[in-house]
Amino acid sequence: EEERLVVQEALAEARLEAGEQDVLAGELAELVAR
């Protein structure tokens, strides 16, 4: 589960780097809450 979370974080960083900040800003709220 820790490895899964690390990959989720890496995916968020890759998407941010690709310019997906508008969608990402909303999608990350649930994961951050957990």
Full PDB file with SEQRES, HELIX, SHEET, SSBOND, CRYST1, ORIGX, SCALE, CONECT and MASTER records, all heavy atoms in Angstrom:
SEQRES   1 A   34  GLU GLU GLU ARG LEU VAL VAL GLN GLU ALA LEU ALA GLU          
SEQRES   2 A   34  ALA ARG LEU GLU ALA GLY GLU GLN ASP VAL LEU ALA GLY          
SEQRES   3 A   34  GLU LEU ALA GLU LEU VAL ALA ARG                              
HELIX    1 AA1 GLU A    2  GLU A   17  1                                  16    
HELIX    2 AA2 GLN A   21  ALA A   33  1                                  13    
CRYST1    1.000    1.000    1.000  90.00  90.00  90.00 P 1           1          
ORIGX1      1.000000  0.000000  0.000000        0.00000                         
ORIGX2      0.000000  1.000000  0.000000        0.00000                         
ORIGX3      0.000000  0.000000  1.000000        0.00000                         
SCALE1      1.000000  0.000000  0.000000        0.00000                         
SCALE2      0.000000  1.000000  0.000000        0.00000                         
SCALE3      0.000000  0.000000  1.000000        0.00000                         
ATOM      1  N   GLU A   1       0.832  -1.205   0.000  1.00  0.00           N  
ATOM      2  CA  GLU A   1       0.000   0.000   0.000  1.00  0.00           C  
ATOM      3  C   GLU A   1       0.868   1.257   0.000  1.00  0.00           C  
ATOM      4  O   GLU A   1       0.525   2.257  -0.634  1.00  0.00           O  
ATOM      5  CB  GLU A   1      -0.942  -0.002   1.208  1.00  0.00           C  
ATOM      6  CG  GLU A   1      -2.037  -1.069   1.152  1.00  0.00           C  
ATOM      7  CD  GLU A   1      -3.076  -0.835   0.059  1.00  0.00           C  
ATOM      8  OE1 GLU A   1      -3.124   0.276  -0.517  1.00  0.00           O  
ATOM      9  OE2 GLU A   1      -3.849  -1.771  -0.233  1.00  0.00           O  
ATOM     10  N   GLU A   2       2.008   1.207   0.688  1.00  0.00           N  
ATOM     11  CA  GLU A   2       2.942   2.336   0.661  1.00  0.00           C  
ATOM     12  C   GLU A   2       3.509   2.521  -0.749  1.00  0.00           C  
ATOM     13  O   GLU A   2       3.600   3.652  -1.247  1.00  0.00           O  
ATOM     14  CB  GLU A   2       4.074   2.096   1.669  1.00  0.00           C  
ATOM     15  CG  GLU A   2       5.221   3.097   1.597  1.00  0.00           C  
ATOM     16  CD  GLU A   2       4.826   4.523   1.944  1.00  0.00           C  
ATOM     17  OE1 GLU A   2       3.776   4.730   2.602  1.00  0.00           O  
ATOM     18  OE2 GLU A   2       5.580   5.445   1.563  1.00  0.00           O  
ATOM     19  N   GLU A   3       3.872   1.421  -1.397  1.00  0.00           N  
ATOM     20  CA  GLU A   3       4.382   1.508  -2.762  1.00  0.00           C  
ATOM     21  C   GLU A   3       3.309   2.052  -3.710  1.00  0.00           C  
ATOM     22  O   GLU A   3       3.620   2.830  -4.630  1.00  0.00           O  
ATOM     23  CB  GLU A   3       4.863   0.138  -3.229  1.00  0.00           C  
ATOM     24  CG  GLU A   3       6.109  -0.355  -2.504  1.00  0.00           C  
ATOM     25  CD  GLU A   3       6.548  -1.736  -2.934  1.00  0.00           C  
ATOM     26  OE1 GLU A   3       6.058  -2.225  -3.983  1.00  0.00           O  
ATOM     27  OE2 GLU A   3       7.377  -2.342  -2.239  1.00  0.00           O  
ATOM     28  N   ARG A   4       2.077   1.661  -3.488  1.00  0.00           N  
ATOM     29  CA  ARG A   4       0.970   2.167  -4.311  1.00  0.00           C  
ATOM     30  C   ARG A   4       0.838   3.677  -4.150  1.00  0.00           C  
ATOM     31  O   ARG A   4       0.680   4.420  -5.133  1.00  0.00           O  
ATOM     32  CB  ARG A   4      -0.327   1.475  -3.885  1.00  0.00           C  
ATOM     33  CG  ARG A   4      -1.566   1.911  -4.642  1.00  0.00           C  
ATOM     34  CD  ARG A   4      -2.795   1.302  -3.981  1.00  0.00           C  
ATOM     35  NE  ARG A   4      -3.971   1.350  -4.806  1.00  0.00           N  
ATOM     36  CZ  ARG A   4      -5.165   0.899  -4.429  1.00  0.00           C  
ATOM     37  NH1 ARG A   4      -5.315   0.345  -3.231  1.00  0.00           N  
ATOM     38  NH2 ARG A   4      -6.207   0.973  -5.233  1.00  0.00           N  
ATOM     39  N   LEU A   5       0.952   4.159  -2.918  1.00  0.00           N  
ATOM     40  CA  LEU A   5       0.823   5.588  -2.655  1.00  0.00           C  
ATOM     41  C   LEU A   5       1.977   6.366  -3.283  1.00  0.00           C  
ATOM     42  O   LEU A   5       1.784   7.456  -3.833  1.00  0.00           O  
ATOM     43  CB  LEU A   5       0.759   5.831  -1.146  1.00  0.00           C  
ATOM     44  CG  LEU A   5       0.443   7.247  -0.671  1.00  0.00           C  
ATOM     45  CD1 LEU A   5      -0.804   7.813  -1.351  1.00  0.00           C  
ATOM     46  CD2 LEU A   5       0.270   7.259   0.844  1.00  0.00           C  
ATOM     47  N   VAL A   6       3.179   5.806  -3.229  1.00  0.00           N  
ATOM     48  CA  VAL A   6       4.332   6.449  -3.863  1.00  0.00           C  
ATOM     49  C   VAL A   6       4.101   6.581  -5.369  1.00  0.00           C  
ATOM     50  O   VAL A   6       4.418   7.619  -5.975  1.00  0.00           O  
ATOM     51  CB  VAL A   6       5.621   5.651  -3.573  1.00  0.00           C  
ATOM     52  CG1 VAL A   6       6.773   6.113  -4.464  1.00  0.00           C  
ATOM     53  CG2 VAL A   6       6.011   5.799  -2.105  1.00  0.00           C  
ATOM     54  N   VAL A   7       3.538   5.555  -5.991  1.00  0.00           N  
ATOM     55  CA  VAL A   7       3.247   5.610  -7.428  1.00  0.00           C  
ATOM     56  C   VAL A   7       2.147   6.633  -7.707  1.00  0.00           C  
ATOM     57  O   VAL A   7       2.193   7.355  -8.714  1.00  0.00           O  
ATOM     58  CB  VAL A   7       2.863   4.211  -7.955  1.00  0.00           C  
ATOM     59  CG1 VAL A   7       2.297   4.287  -9.366  1.00  0.00           C  
ATOM     60  CG2 VAL A   7       4.092   3.307  -7.941  1.00  0.00           C  
ATOM     61  N   GLN A   8       1.151   6.724  -6.839  1.00  0.00           N  
ATOM     62  CA  GLN A   8       0.115   7.747  -7.005  1.00  0.00           C  
ATOM     63  C   GLN A   8       0.707   9.148  -6.931  1.00  0.00           C  
ATOM     64  O   GLN A   8       0.320  10.031  -7.697  1.00  0.00           O  
ATOM     65  CB  GLN A   8      -0.972   7.563  -5.937  1.00  0.00           C  
ATOM     66  CG  GLN A   8      -1.847   6.344  -6.154  1.00  0.00           C  
ATOM     67  CD  GLN A   8      -2.819   6.111  -5.006  1.00  0.00           C  
ATOM     68  OE1 GLN A   8      -2.457   6.196  -3.832  1.00  0.00           O  
ATOM     69  NE2 GLN A   8      -4.049   5.799  -5.328  1.00  0.00           N  
ATOM     70  N   GLU A   9       1.647   9.340  -6.028  1.00  0.00           N  
ATOM     71  CA  GLU A   9       2.314  10.650  -5.929  1.00  0.00           C  
ATOM     72  C   GLU A   9       3.131  10.931  -7.189  1.00  0.00           C  
ATOM     73  O   GLU A   9       3.101  12.054  -7.719  1.00  0.00           O  
ATOM     74  CB  GLU A   9       3.217  10.678  -4.695  1.00  0.00           C  
ATOM     75  CG  GLU A   9       2.463  10.683  -3.383  1.00  0.00           C  
ATOM     76  CD  GLU A   9       3.337  10.468  -2.168  1.00  0.00           C  
ATOM     77  OE1 GLU A   9       4.407   9.815  -2.297  1.00  0.00           O  
ATOM     78  OE2 GLU A   9       2.979  10.948  -1.080  1.00  0.00           O  
ATOM     79  N   ALA A  10       3.839   9.928  -7.672  1.00  0.00           N  
ATOM     80  CA  ALA A  10       4.641  10.103  -8.886  1.00  0.00           C  
ATOM     81  C   ALA A  10       3.750  10.403 -10.088  1.00  0.00           C  
ATOM     82  O   ALA A  10       4.099  11.224 -10.950  1.00  0.00           O  
ATOM     83  CB  ALA A  10       5.480   8.854  -9.150  1.00  0.00           C  
ATOM     84  N   LEU A  11       2.581   9.764 -10.153  1.00  0.00           N  
ATOM     85  CA  LEU A  11       1.637  10.036 -11.240  1.00  0.00           C  
ATOM     86  C   LEU A  11       1.148  11.478 -11.177  1.00  0.00           C  
ATOM     87  O   LEU A  11       1.066  12.163 -12.199  1.00  0.00           O  
ATOM     88  CB  LEU A  11       0.457   9.069 -11.163  1.00  0.00           C  
ATOM     89  CG  LEU A  11      -0.685   9.328 -12.148  1.00  0.00           C  
ATOM     90  CD1 LEU A  11      -0.188   9.280 -13.592  1.00  0.00           C  
ATOM     91  CD2 LEU A  11      -1.819   8.312 -11.950  1.00  0.00           C  
ATOM     92  N   ALA A  12       0.826  11.949  -9.973  1.00  0.00           N  
ATOM     93  CA  ALA A  12       0.368  13.338  -9.823  1.00  0.00           C  
ATOM     94  C   ALA A  12       1.459  14.306 -10.281  1.00  0.00           C  
ATOM     95  O   ALA A  12       1.176  15.301 -10.962  1.00  0.00           O  
ATOM     96  CB  ALA A  12      -0.018  13.605  -8.373  1.00  0.00           C  
ATOM     97  N   GLU A  13       2.712  14.011  -9.940  1.00  0.00           N  
ATOM     98  CA  GLU A  13       3.818  14.889 -10.354  1.00  0.00           C  
ATOM     99  C   GLU A  13       3.985  14.887 -11.867  1.00  0.00           C  
ATOM    100  O   GLU A  13       4.222  15.941 -12.483  1.00  0.00           O  
ATOM    101  CB  GLU A  13       5.108  14.444  -9.668  1.00  0.00           C  
ATOM    102  CG  GLU A  13       5.123  14.714  -8.174  1.00  0.00           C  
ATOM    103  CD  GLU A  13       6.277  14.047  -7.450  1.00  0.00           C  
ATOM    104  OE1 GLU A  13       6.906  13.131  -8.024  1.00  0.00           O  
ATOM    105  OE2 GLU A  13       6.541  14.425  -6.298  1.00  0.00           O  
ATOM    106  N   ALA A  14       3.856  13.704 -12.479  1.00  0.00           N  
ATOM    107  CA  ALA A  14       3.990  13.622 -13.940  1.00  0.00           C  
ATOM    108  C   ALA A  14       2.874  14.387 -14.634  1.00  0.00           C  
ATOM    109  O   ALA A  14       3.106  15.098 -15.619  1.00  0.00           O  
ATOM    110  CB  ALA A  14       3.988  12.159 -14.371  1.00  0.00           C  
ATOM    111  N   ARG A  15       1.664  14.265 -14.117  1.00  0.00           N  
ATOM    112  CA  ARG A  15       0.535  14.980 -14.711  1.00  0.00           C  
ATOM    113  C   ARG A  15       0.686  16.496 -14.541  1.00  0.00           C  
ATOM    114  O   ARG A  15       0.339  17.271 -15.438  1.00  0.00           O  
ATOM    115  CB  ARG A  15      -0.774  14.499 -14.093  1.00  0.00           C  
ATOM    116  CG  ARG A  15      -1.118  13.062 -14.444  1.00  0.00           C  
ATOM    117  CD  ARG A  15      -2.394  12.626 -13.746  1.00  0.00           C  
ATOM    118  NE  ARG A  15      -3.529  13.433 -14.165  1.00  0.00           N  
ATOM    119  CZ  ARG A  15      -4.692  13.481 -13.528  1.00  0.00           C  
ATOM    120  NH1 ARG A  15      -4.860  12.767 -12.419  1.00  0.00           N  
ATOM    121  NH2 ARG A  15      -5.686  14.217 -13.983  1.00  0.00           N  
ATOM    122  N   LEU A  16       1.199  16.908 -13.402  1.00  0.00           N  
ATOM    123  CA  LEU A  16       1.436  18.340 -13.190  1.00  0.00           C  
ATOM    124  C   LEU A  16       2.480  18.850 -14.165  1.00  0.00           C  
ATOM    125  O   LEU A  16       2.325  19.919 -14.764  1.00  0.00           O  
ATOM    126  CB  LEU A  16       1.883  18.578 -11.746  1.00  0.00           C  
ATOM    127  CG  LEU A  16       2.138  20.045 -11.358  1.00  0.00           C  
ATOM    128  CD1 LEU A  16       0.858  20.860 -11.460  1.00  0.00           C  
ATOM    129  CD2 LEU A  16       2.714  20.126  -9.951  1.00  0.00           C  
ATOM    130  N   GLU A  17       3.531  18.050 -14.345  1.00  0.00           N  
ATOM    131  CA  GLU A  17       4.584  18.419 -15.285  1.00  0.00           C  
ATOM    132  C   GLU A  17       4.043  18.496 -16.708  1.00  0.00           C  
ATOM    133  O   GLU A  17       4.523  19.287 -17.533  1.00  0.00           O  
ATOM    134  CB  GLU A  17       5.717  17.399 -15.208  1.00  0.00           C  
ATOM    135  CG  GLU A  17       6.981  17.799 -15.937  1.00  0.00           C  
ATOM    136  CD  GLU A  17       8.085  16.767 -15.783  1.00  0.00           C  
ATOM    137  OE1 GLU A  17       8.011  15.937 -14.850  1.00  0.00           O  
ATOM    138  OE2 GLU A  17       9.019  16.791 -16.613  1.00  0.00           O  
ATOM    139  N   ALA A  18       3.019  17.688 -16.993  1.00  0.00           N  
ATOM    140  CA  ALA A  18       2.412  17.685 -18.331  1.00  0.00           C  
ATOM    141  C   ALA A  18       1.386  18.799 -18.504  1.00  0.00           C  
ATOM    142  O   ALA A  18       0.782  18.925 -19.570  1.00  0.00           O  
ATOM    143  CB  ALA A  18       1.765  16.336 -18.605  1.00  0.00           C  
ATOM    144  N   GLY A  19       1.155  19.595 -17.458  1.00  0.00           N  
ATOM    145  CA  GLY A  19       0.249  20.730 -17.568  1.00  0.00           C  
ATOM    146  C   GLY A  19      -1.193  20.450 -17.213  1.00  0.00           C  
ATOM    147  O   GLY A  19      -2.092  21.202 -17.596  1.00  0.00           O  
ATOM    148  N   GLU A  20      -1.457  19.382 -16.433  1.00  0.00           N  
ATOM    149  CA  GLU A  20      -2.827  19.025 -16.070  1.00  0.00           C  
ATOM    150  C   GLU A  20      -3.257  19.626 -14.733  1.00  0.00           C  
ATOM    151  O   GLU A  20      -4.070  19.048 -14.011  1.00  0.00           O  
ATOM    152  CB  GLU A  20      -2.985  17.499 -16.013  1.00  0.00           C  
ATOM    153  CG  GLU A  20      -2.775  16.814 -17.348  1.00  0.00           C  
ATOM    154  CD  GLU A  20      -3.023  15.317 -17.252  1.00  0.00           C  
ATOM    155  OE1 GLU A  20      -3.878  14.882 -16.461  1.00  0.00           O  
ATOM    156  OE2 GLU A  20      -2.336  14.555 -17.980  1.00  0.00           O  
ATOM    157  N   GLN A  21      -2.735  20.789 -14.371  1.00  0.00           N  
ATOM    158  CA  GLN A  21      -2.986  21.342 -13.051  1.00  0.00           C  
ATOM    159  C   GLN A  21      -4.461  21.620 -12.754  1.00  0.00           C  
ATOM    160  O   GLN A  21      -4.910  21.446 -11.618  1.00  0.00           O  
ATOM    161  CB  GLN A  21      -2.174  22.633 -12.840  1.00  0.00           C  
ATOM    162  CG  GLN A  21      -2.436  23.743 -13.822  1.00  0.00           C  
ATOM    163  CD  GLN A  21      -1.568  23.634 -15.070  1.00  0.00           C  
ATOM    164  OE1 GLN A  21      -0.689  22.776 -15.151  1.00  0.00           O  
ATOM    165  NE2 GLN A  21      -1.817  24.495 -16.029  1.00  0.00           N  
ATOM    166  N   ASP A  22      -5.242  22.019 -13.741  1.00  0.00           N  
ATOM    167  CA  ASP A  22      -6.644  22.366 -13.478  1.00  0.00           C  
ATOM    168  C   ASP A  22      -7.437  21.155 -12.990  1.00  0.00           C  
ATOM    169  O   ASP A  22      -8.160  21.230 -11.995  1.00  0.00           O  
ATOM    170  CB  ASP A  22      -7.293  22.941 -14.747  1.00  0.00           C  
ATOM    171  CG  ASP A  22      -6.698  24.290 -15.130  1.00  0.00           C  
ATOM    172  OD1 ASP A  22      -6.324  25.038 -14.203  1.00  0.00           O  
ATOM    173  OD2 ASP A  22      -6.584  24.582 -16.326  1.00  0.00           O  
ATOM    174  N   VAL A  23      -7.296  20.026 -13.674  1.00  0.00           N  
ATOM    175  CA  VAL A  23      -8.000  18.806 -13.280  1.00  0.00           C  
ATOM    176  C   VAL A  23      -7.388  18.231 -12.001  1.00  0.00           C  
ATOM    177  O   VAL A  23      -8.095  17.811 -11.084  1.00  0.00           O  
ATOM    178  CB  VAL A  23      -7.946  17.764 -14.415  1.00  0.00           C  
ATOM    179  CG1 VAL A  23      -8.565  16.446 -13.981  1.00  0.00           C  
ATOM    180  CG2 VAL A  23      -8.635  18.293 -15.658  1.00  0.00           C  
ATOM    181  N   LEU A  24      -6.073  18.256 -11.929  1.00  0.00           N  
ATOM    182  CA  LEU A  24      -5.355  17.661 -10.813  1.00  0.00           C  
ATOM    183  C   LEU A  24      -5.676  18.349  -9.497  1.00  0.00           C  
ATOM    184  O   LEU A  24      -5.804  17.691  -8.451  1.00  0.00           O  
ATOM    185  CB  LEU A  24      -3.855  17.727 -11.095  1.00  0.00           C  
ATOM    186  CG  LEU A  24      -2.923  16.830 -10.306  1.00  0.00           C  
ATOM    187  CD1 LEU A  24      -3.295  15.368 -10.506  1.00  0.00           C  
ATOM    188  CD2 LEU A  24      -1.482  17.080 -10.734  1.00  0.00           C  
ATOM    189  N   ALA A  25      -5.837  19.654  -9.520  1.00  0.00           N  
ATOM    190  CA  ALA A  25      -6.108  20.407  -8.291  1.00  0.00           C  
ATOM    191  C   ALA A  25      -7.361  19.895  -7.593  1.00  0.00           C  
ATOM    192  O   ALA A  25      -7.416  19.816  -6.364  1.00  0.00           O  
ATOM    193  CB  ALA A  25      -6.251  21.891  -8.616  1.00  0.00           C  
ATOM    194  N   GLY A  26      -8.366  19.517  -8.377  1.00  0.00           N  
ATOM    195  CA  GLY A  26      -9.588  18.985  -7.781  1.00  0.00           C  
ATOM    196  C   GLY A  26      -9.474  17.522  -7.420  1.00  0.00           C  
ATOM    197  O   GLY A  26      -9.927  17.087  -6.360  1.00  0.00           O  
ATOM    198  N   GLU A  27      -8.822  16.741  -8.281  1.00  0.00           N  
ATOM    199  CA  GLU A  27      -8.759  15.292  -8.067  1.00  0.00           C  
ATOM    200  C   GLU A  27      -7.946  14.893  -6.835  1.00  0.00           C  
ATOM    201  O   GLU A  27      -8.208  13.868  -6.213  1.00  0.00           O  
ATOM    202  CB  GLU A  27      -8.160  14.609  -9.303  1.00  0.00           C  
ATOM    203  CG  GLU A  27      -9.086  14.589 -10.501  1.00  0.00           C  
ATOM    204  CD  GLU A  27      -8.501  13.844 -11.678  1.00  0.00           C  
ATOM    205  OE1 GLU A  27      -7.346  13.386 -11.591  1.00  0.00           O  
ATOM    206  OE2 GLU A  27      -9.204  13.701 -12.693  1.00  0.00           O  
ATOM    207  N   LEU A  28      -6.962  15.701  -6.480  1.00  0.00           N  
ATOM    208  CA  LEU A  28      -6.082  15.328  -5.368  1.00  0.00           C  
ATOM    209  C   LEU A  28      -6.717  15.532  -3.998  1.00  0.00           C  
ATOM    210  O   LEU A  28      -6.195  15.039  -2.996  1.00  0.00           O  
ATOM    211  CB  LEU A  28      -4.778  16.125  -5.432  1.00  0.00           C  
ATOM    212  CG  LEU A  28      -3.771  15.674  -6.486  1.00  0.00           C  
ATOM    213  CD1 LEU A  28      -2.561  16.588  -6.502  1.00  0.00           C  
ATOM    214  CD2 LEU A  28      -3.336  14.237  -6.249  1.00  0.00           C  
ATOM    215  N   ALA A  29      -7.829  16.250  -3.938  1.00  0.00           N  
ATOM    216  CA  ALA A  29      -8.420  16.577  -2.638  1.00  0.00           C  
ATOM    217  C   ALA A  29      -8.751  15.319  -1.835  1.00  0.00           C  
ATOM    218  O   ALA A  29      -8.465  15.243  -0.631  1.00  0.00           O  
ATOM    219  CB  ALA A  29      -9.675  17.431  -2.838  1.00  0.00           C  
ATOM    220  N   GLU A  30      -9.328  14.304  -2.477  1.00  0.00           N  
ATOM    221  CA  GLU A  30      -9.725  13.087  -1.764  1.00  0.00           C  
ATOM    222  C   GLU A  30      -8.509  12.323  -1.251  1.00  0.00           C  
ATOM    223  O   GLU A  30      -8.491  11.846  -0.107  1.00  0.00           O  
ATOM    224  CB  GLU A  30     -10.556  12.186  -2.678  1.00  0.00           C  
ATOM    225  CG  GLU A  30     -11.052  10.920  -1.989  1.00  0.00           C  
ATOM    226  CD  GLU A  30     -11.837  10.014  -2.917  1.00  0.00           C  
ATOM    227  OE1 GLU A  30     -12.195  10.457  -4.033  1.00  0.00           O  
ATOM    228  OE2 GLU A  30     -12.069   8.845  -2.541  1.00  0.00           O  
ATOM    229  N   LEU A  31      -7.476  12.215  -2.094  1.00  0.00           N  
ATOM    230  CA  LEU A  31      -6.278  11.487  -1.685  1.00  0.00           C  
ATOM    231  C   LEU A  31      -5.579  12.211  -0.535  1.00  0.00           C  
ATOM    232  O   LEU A  31      -5.102  11.565   0.413  1.00  0.00           O  
ATOM    233  CB  LEU A  31      -5.336  11.341  -2.882  1.00  0.00           C  
ATOM    234  CG  LEU A  31      -4.157  10.379  -2.711  1.00  0.00           C  
ATOM    235  CD1 LEU A  31      -4.623   8.963  -2.400  1.00  0.00           C  
ATOM    236  CD2 LEU A  31      -3.279  10.377  -3.974  1.00  0.00           C  
ATOM    237  N   VAL A  32      -5.517  13.523  -0.594  1.00  0.00           N  
ATOM    238  CA  VAL A  32      -4.899  14.293   0.485  1.00  0.00           C  
ATOM    239  C   VAL A  32      -5.702  14.142   1.774  1.00  0.00           C  
ATOM    240  O   VAL A  32      -5.133  14.047   2.866  1.00  0.00           O  
ATOM    241  CB  VAL A  32      -4.771  15.778   0.085  1.00  0.00           C  
ATOM    242  CG1 VAL A  32      -4.422  16.645   1.294  1.00  0.00           C  
ATOM    243  CG2 VAL A  32      -3.711  15.939  -0.996  1.00  0.00           C  
ATOM    244  N   ALA A  33      -7.020  14.093   1.669  1.00  0.00           N  
ATOM    245  CA  ALA A  33      -7.860  13.925   2.863  1.00  0.00           C  
ATOM    246  C   ALA A  33      -7.584  12.590   3.541  1.00  0.00           C  
ATOM    247  O   ALA A  33      -7.642  12.485   4.772  1.00  0.00           O  
ATOM    248  CB  ALA A  33      -9.335  14.036   2.480  1.00  0.00           C  
ATOM    249  N   ARG A  34      -7.267  11.544   2.739  1.00  0.00           N  
ATOM    250  CA  ARG A  34      -6.962  10.230   3.313  1.00  0.00           C  
ATOM    251  C   ARG A  34      -5.551  10.169   3.894  1.00  0.00           C  
ATOM    252  O   ARG A  34      -5.286   9.369   4.782  1.00  0.00           O  
ATOM    253  CB  ARG A  34      -7.130   9.129   2.260  1.00  0.00           C  
ATOM    254  CG  ARG A  34      -8.561   8.943   1.781  1.00  0.00           C  
ATOM    255  CD  ARG A  34      -8.761   7.540   1.211  1.00  0.00           C  
ATOM    256  NE  ARG A  34      -7.819   7.212   0.153  1.00  0.00           N  
ATOM    257  CZ  ARG A  34      -8.014   7.434  -1.140  1.00  0.00           C  
ATOM    258  NH1 ARG A  34      -9.143   8.002  -1.542  1.00  0.00           N  
ATOM    259  NH2 ARG A  34      -7.120   7.083  -2.039  1.00  0.00           N  
TER     260      ARG A  34                                                      
MASTER        0    0    0    2    0    0    0    6  259    1    0    3          
END                                                                             
